[in-house]
N, C-alpha and C. Protein backbone atom coordinates (compact mmCIF):
# COMPACT_ATOMS: atom_id res chain seq x y z
N MET A 1 -25.46 3.26 9.64
CA MET A 1 -26.43 4.20 9.15
C MET A 1 -26.93 5.04 10.32
N ILE A 2 -27.09 6.33 10.08
CA ILE A 2 -27.61 7.21 11.12
C ILE A 2 -28.88 7.90 10.62
N GLU A 3 -29.74 8.22 11.57
CA GLU A 3 -30.98 8.90 11.22
C GLU A 3 -30.72 10.39 11.08
N TRP A 4 -31.18 10.98 9.96
CA TRP A 4 -31.00 12.40 9.72
C TRP A 4 -31.90 13.19 10.65
N ASN A 5 -31.41 14.32 11.10
CA ASN A 5 -32.20 15.23 11.92
C ASN A 5 -31.85 16.64 11.49
N GLU A 6 -32.85 17.51 11.39
CA GLU A 6 -32.58 18.89 10.95
C GLU A 6 -31.80 19.67 11.99
N ASP A 7 -31.84 19.24 13.25
CA ASP A 7 -31.06 19.88 14.32
C ASP A 7 -29.63 19.34 14.22
N PRO A 8 -28.66 20.19 13.85
CA PRO A 8 -27.29 19.69 13.66
C PRO A 8 -26.68 19.06 14.91
N SER A 9 -27.02 19.55 16.09
CA SER A 9 -26.44 18.97 17.31
C SER A 9 -26.92 17.53 17.51
N ILE A 10 -28.18 17.26 17.23
CA ILE A 10 -28.71 15.89 17.34
C ILE A 10 -28.11 15.01 16.26
N PHE A 11 -28.02 15.53 15.05
CA PHE A 11 -27.47 14.79 13.92
C PHE A 11 -26.01 14.41 14.17
N ILE A 12 -25.22 15.35 14.67
CA ILE A 12 -23.80 15.10 14.93
C ILE A 12 -23.64 14.10 16.07
N ALA A 13 -24.44 14.25 17.12
CA ALA A 13 -24.38 13.29 18.24
C ALA A 13 -24.70 11.88 17.75
N ALA A 14 -25.68 11.75 16.88
CA ALA A 14 -26.05 10.43 16.33
C ALA A 14 -24.92 9.86 15.48
N ALA A 15 -24.21 10.74 14.76
CA ALA A 15 -23.12 10.28 13.90
C ALA A 15 -21.95 9.74 14.72
N LEU A 16 -21.85 10.13 15.98
CA LEU A 16 -20.75 9.68 16.84
C LEU A 16 -21.10 8.46 17.69
N LEU A 17 -22.32 7.95 17.55
CA LEU A 17 -22.69 6.73 18.28
C LEU A 17 -21.74 5.61 17.89
N PRO A 18 -21.39 4.73 18.79
CA PRO A 18 -21.97 4.48 20.11
C PRO A 18 -21.39 5.33 21.24
N ALA A 19 -20.51 6.27 20.94
CA ALA A 19 -19.97 7.13 21.99
C ALA A 19 -21.08 7.98 22.58
N GLN A 20 -21.02 8.18 23.89
CA GLN A 20 -21.98 9.02 24.59
C GLN A 20 -21.54 10.47 24.43
N VAL A 21 -22.44 11.33 24.00
CA VAL A 21 -22.15 12.75 23.80
C VAL A 21 -22.82 13.55 24.90
N MET A 22 -22.05 14.39 25.58
CA MET A 22 -22.59 15.21 26.67
C MET A 22 -23.15 16.52 26.13
N ALA A 23 -22.45 17.12 25.17
CA ALA A 23 -22.88 18.42 24.65
C ALA A 23 -22.32 18.63 23.25
N VAL A 24 -23.07 19.38 22.44
CA VAL A 24 -22.63 19.76 21.11
C VAL A 24 -22.89 21.26 20.96
N ASP A 25 -21.83 22.00 20.71
CA ASP A 25 -21.94 23.44 20.49
C ASP A 25 -21.70 23.69 19.01
N VAL A 26 -22.72 24.17 18.32
CA VAL A 26 -22.61 24.35 16.87
C VAL A 26 -22.48 25.81 16.49
N ARG A 27 -21.69 26.05 15.47
CA ARG A 27 -21.61 27.37 14.83
C ARG A 27 -22.06 27.15 13.40
N GLU A 28 -23.35 27.36 13.17
CA GLU A 28 -23.96 27.01 11.89
C GLU A 28 -23.34 27.73 10.71
N GLU A 29 -23.00 29.02 10.88
CA GLU A 29 -22.44 29.78 9.75
C GLU A 29 -21.10 29.20 9.30
N GLU A 30 -20.36 28.56 10.21
CA GLU A 30 -19.07 27.95 9.88
C GLU A 30 -19.18 26.44 9.62
N LYS A 31 -20.35 25.88 9.94
CA LYS A 31 -20.54 24.42 9.90
C LYS A 31 -19.46 23.73 10.73
N PHE A 32 -19.30 24.26 11.96
CA PHE A 32 -18.31 23.75 12.91
C PHE A 32 -19.03 23.34 14.19
N ALA A 33 -18.66 22.19 14.73
CA ALA A 33 -19.26 21.73 15.98
C ALA A 33 -18.18 21.30 16.95
N GLN A 34 -18.31 21.75 18.19
CA GLN A 34 -17.44 21.30 19.27
C GLN A 34 -18.26 20.32 20.10
N VAL A 35 -17.74 19.12 20.25
CA VAL A 35 -18.45 18.04 20.94
C VAL A 35 -17.71 17.70 22.22
N VAL A 36 -18.47 17.54 23.32
CA VAL A 36 -17.89 17.15 24.59
C VAL A 36 -18.41 15.76 24.94
N VAL A 37 -17.46 14.88 25.27
CA VAL A 37 -17.80 13.51 25.65
C VAL A 37 -17.18 13.22 27.02
N PRO A 38 -17.74 12.25 27.76
CA PRO A 38 -17.11 11.86 29.03
C PRO A 38 -15.67 11.41 28.78
N ASN A 39 -14.83 11.57 29.79
CA ASN A 39 -13.41 11.20 29.65
C ASN A 39 -13.22 9.79 29.12
N ASP A 40 -14.01 8.86 29.63
CA ASP A 40 -13.84 7.46 29.22
C ASP A 40 -14.42 7.15 27.84
N GLN A 41 -15.04 8.12 27.20
CA GLN A 41 -15.63 7.93 25.88
C GLN A 41 -14.81 8.60 24.76
N LEU A 42 -13.75 9.34 25.13
CA LEU A 42 -13.00 10.10 24.14
C LEU A 42 -12.40 9.22 23.05
N SER A 43 -11.73 8.14 23.45
CA SER A 43 -11.11 7.27 22.44
C SER A 43 -12.16 6.61 21.56
N LEU A 44 -13.31 6.28 22.11
CA LEU A 44 -14.40 5.69 21.33
C LEU A 44 -14.94 6.70 20.32
N ALA A 45 -15.13 7.94 20.76
CA ALA A 45 -15.67 8.97 19.87
C ALA A 45 -14.70 9.29 18.73
N ILE A 46 -13.43 9.36 19.05
CA ILE A 46 -12.43 9.69 18.02
C ILE A 46 -12.16 8.49 17.13
N GLY A 47 -12.06 7.31 17.73
CA GLY A 47 -11.80 6.10 16.97
C GLY A 47 -10.32 5.91 16.68
N LYS A 48 -10.01 4.72 16.21
CA LYS A 48 -8.61 4.39 15.89
C LYS A 48 -8.11 5.31 14.79
N ALA A 49 -7.02 6.03 15.08
CA ALA A 49 -6.41 6.98 14.14
C ALA A 49 -7.42 8.03 13.65
N GLY A 50 -8.42 8.34 14.48
CA GLY A 50 -9.39 9.38 14.13
C GLY A 50 -10.45 8.95 13.15
N GLN A 51 -10.58 7.66 12.93
CA GLN A 51 -11.51 7.15 11.92
C GLN A 51 -12.96 7.51 12.21
N ASN A 52 -13.41 7.36 13.45
CA ASN A 52 -14.81 7.67 13.77
C ASN A 52 -15.11 9.15 13.60
N ALA A 53 -14.20 10.00 14.04
CA ALA A 53 -14.40 11.44 13.91
C ALA A 53 -14.45 11.84 12.43
N ARG A 54 -13.55 11.29 11.62
CA ARG A 54 -13.55 11.61 10.18
C ARG A 54 -14.83 11.14 9.51
N LEU A 55 -15.29 9.95 9.86
CA LEU A 55 -16.52 9.43 9.26
C LEU A 55 -17.71 10.30 9.66
N ALA A 56 -17.79 10.70 10.92
CA ALA A 56 -18.88 11.56 11.37
C ALA A 56 -18.85 12.89 10.62
N ALA A 57 -17.66 13.43 10.41
CA ALA A 57 -17.53 14.70 9.68
C ALA A 57 -17.99 14.54 8.23
N LYS A 58 -17.65 13.42 7.61
CA LYS A 58 -18.08 13.19 6.22
C LYS A 58 -19.59 12.99 6.14
N LEU A 59 -20.14 12.24 7.08
CA LEU A 59 -21.59 11.97 7.08
C LEU A 59 -22.40 13.24 7.27
N THR A 60 -21.94 14.12 8.13
CA THR A 60 -22.70 15.31 8.48
C THR A 60 -22.33 16.53 7.65
N ASN A 61 -21.17 16.47 7.01
CA ASN A 61 -20.63 17.60 6.24
C ASN A 61 -20.34 18.80 7.16
N TRP A 62 -19.90 18.49 8.38
CA TRP A 62 -19.52 19.50 9.37
C TRP A 62 -18.09 19.22 9.82
N LYS A 63 -17.37 20.27 10.23
CA LYS A 63 -16.09 20.11 10.90
C LYS A 63 -16.41 19.82 12.36
N ILE A 64 -15.81 18.76 12.91
CA ILE A 64 -16.14 18.34 14.26
C ILE A 64 -14.86 18.27 15.10
N ASP A 65 -14.90 18.96 16.24
CA ASP A 65 -13.80 18.94 17.20
C ASP A 65 -14.31 18.24 18.45
N ILE A 66 -13.68 17.14 18.83
CA ILE A 66 -14.14 16.35 19.97
C ILE A 66 -13.18 16.56 21.14
N LYS A 67 -13.74 16.90 22.29
CA LYS A 67 -12.97 17.12 23.51
C LYS A 67 -13.58 16.28 24.63
N SER A 68 -12.70 15.86 25.56
CA SER A 68 -13.19 15.19 26.76
C SER A 68 -13.74 16.23 27.72
N GLU A 69 -14.49 15.78 28.69
CA GLU A 69 -15.04 16.67 29.70
C GLU A 69 -13.92 17.42 30.42
N THR A 70 -12.84 16.72 30.75
CA THR A 70 -11.70 17.34 31.43
C THR A 70 -11.04 18.39 30.55
N GLN A 71 -10.82 18.07 29.28
CA GLN A 71 -10.21 19.02 28.36
C GLN A 71 -11.06 20.29 28.25
N MET A 72 -12.37 20.13 28.15
CA MET A 72 -13.25 21.28 28.01
C MET A 72 -13.24 22.13 29.28
N ARG A 73 -13.21 21.48 30.44
CA ARG A 73 -13.13 22.23 31.71
C ARG A 73 -11.85 23.06 31.77
N GLU A 74 -10.72 22.46 31.33
CA GLU A 74 -9.45 23.18 31.34
C GLU A 74 -9.50 24.39 30.41
N ILE A 75 -10.08 24.23 29.25
CA ILE A 75 -10.21 25.34 28.30
C ILE A 75 -11.05 26.45 28.91
N LEU A 76 -12.18 26.09 29.52
CA LEU A 76 -13.05 27.09 30.13
C LEU A 76 -12.37 27.78 31.31
N MET A 77 -11.63 27.02 32.11
CA MET A 77 -10.91 27.62 33.25
C MET A 77 -9.86 28.60 32.75
N ASN A 78 -9.13 28.25 31.69
CA ASN A 78 -8.13 29.14 31.14
C ASN A 78 -8.76 30.42 30.61
N LYS A 79 -9.90 30.29 29.94
CA LYS A 79 -10.59 31.48 29.43
C LYS A 79 -11.05 32.37 30.58
N MET A 80 -11.55 31.76 31.65
CA MET A 80 -12.00 32.54 32.80
C MET A 80 -10.82 33.25 33.45
N GLU A 81 -9.68 32.57 33.55
CA GLU A 81 -8.48 33.19 34.14
C GLU A 81 -8.01 34.35 33.28
N GLU A 82 -8.03 34.17 31.95
CA GLU A 82 -7.61 35.24 31.05
C GLU A 82 -8.54 36.45 31.20
N THR A 83 -9.81 36.21 31.29
CA THR A 83 -10.78 37.29 31.45
C THR A 83 -10.56 37.99 32.79
N GLY A 84 -10.32 37.23 33.84
CA GLY A 84 -10.07 37.79 35.17
C GLY A 84 -8.80 38.60 35.20
N ASP A 85 -7.73 38.12 34.53
CA ASP A 85 -6.46 38.86 34.49
C ASP A 85 -6.62 40.16 33.73
N GLY A 86 -7.38 40.15 32.64
CA GLY A 86 -7.57 41.35 31.83
C GLY A 86 -8.32 42.43 32.59
N GLU A 87 -9.24 42.02 33.47
CA GLU A 87 -10.04 43.01 34.22
C GLU A 87 -9.26 43.63 35.36
N SER A 88 -8.27 42.92 35.89
CA SER A 88 -7.54 43.44 37.05
C SER A 88 -6.45 44.41 36.67
N GLU A 89 -6.13 44.53 35.41
CA GLU A 89 -5.07 45.45 34.99
C GLU A 89 -5.55 46.85 34.79
């Protein structure tokens, strides 16, 4: 059982317990949340065969994408490189 919270980022983080959540980026109009967890917490947050992630999505009625800290850094670095390449042309 999780405690309801009107703030979707807090509610989603609670739904993923006991995994530690570092950040939740929500897009309310899409009901989509990107969650960042420490590298060593990724398998706990996702769960066996994605069970924890699916349960959290059902409980919150949000689409949830879970990434490790390293994965999120790589995504951000790639976006920064793309932006830098576009400006130099």
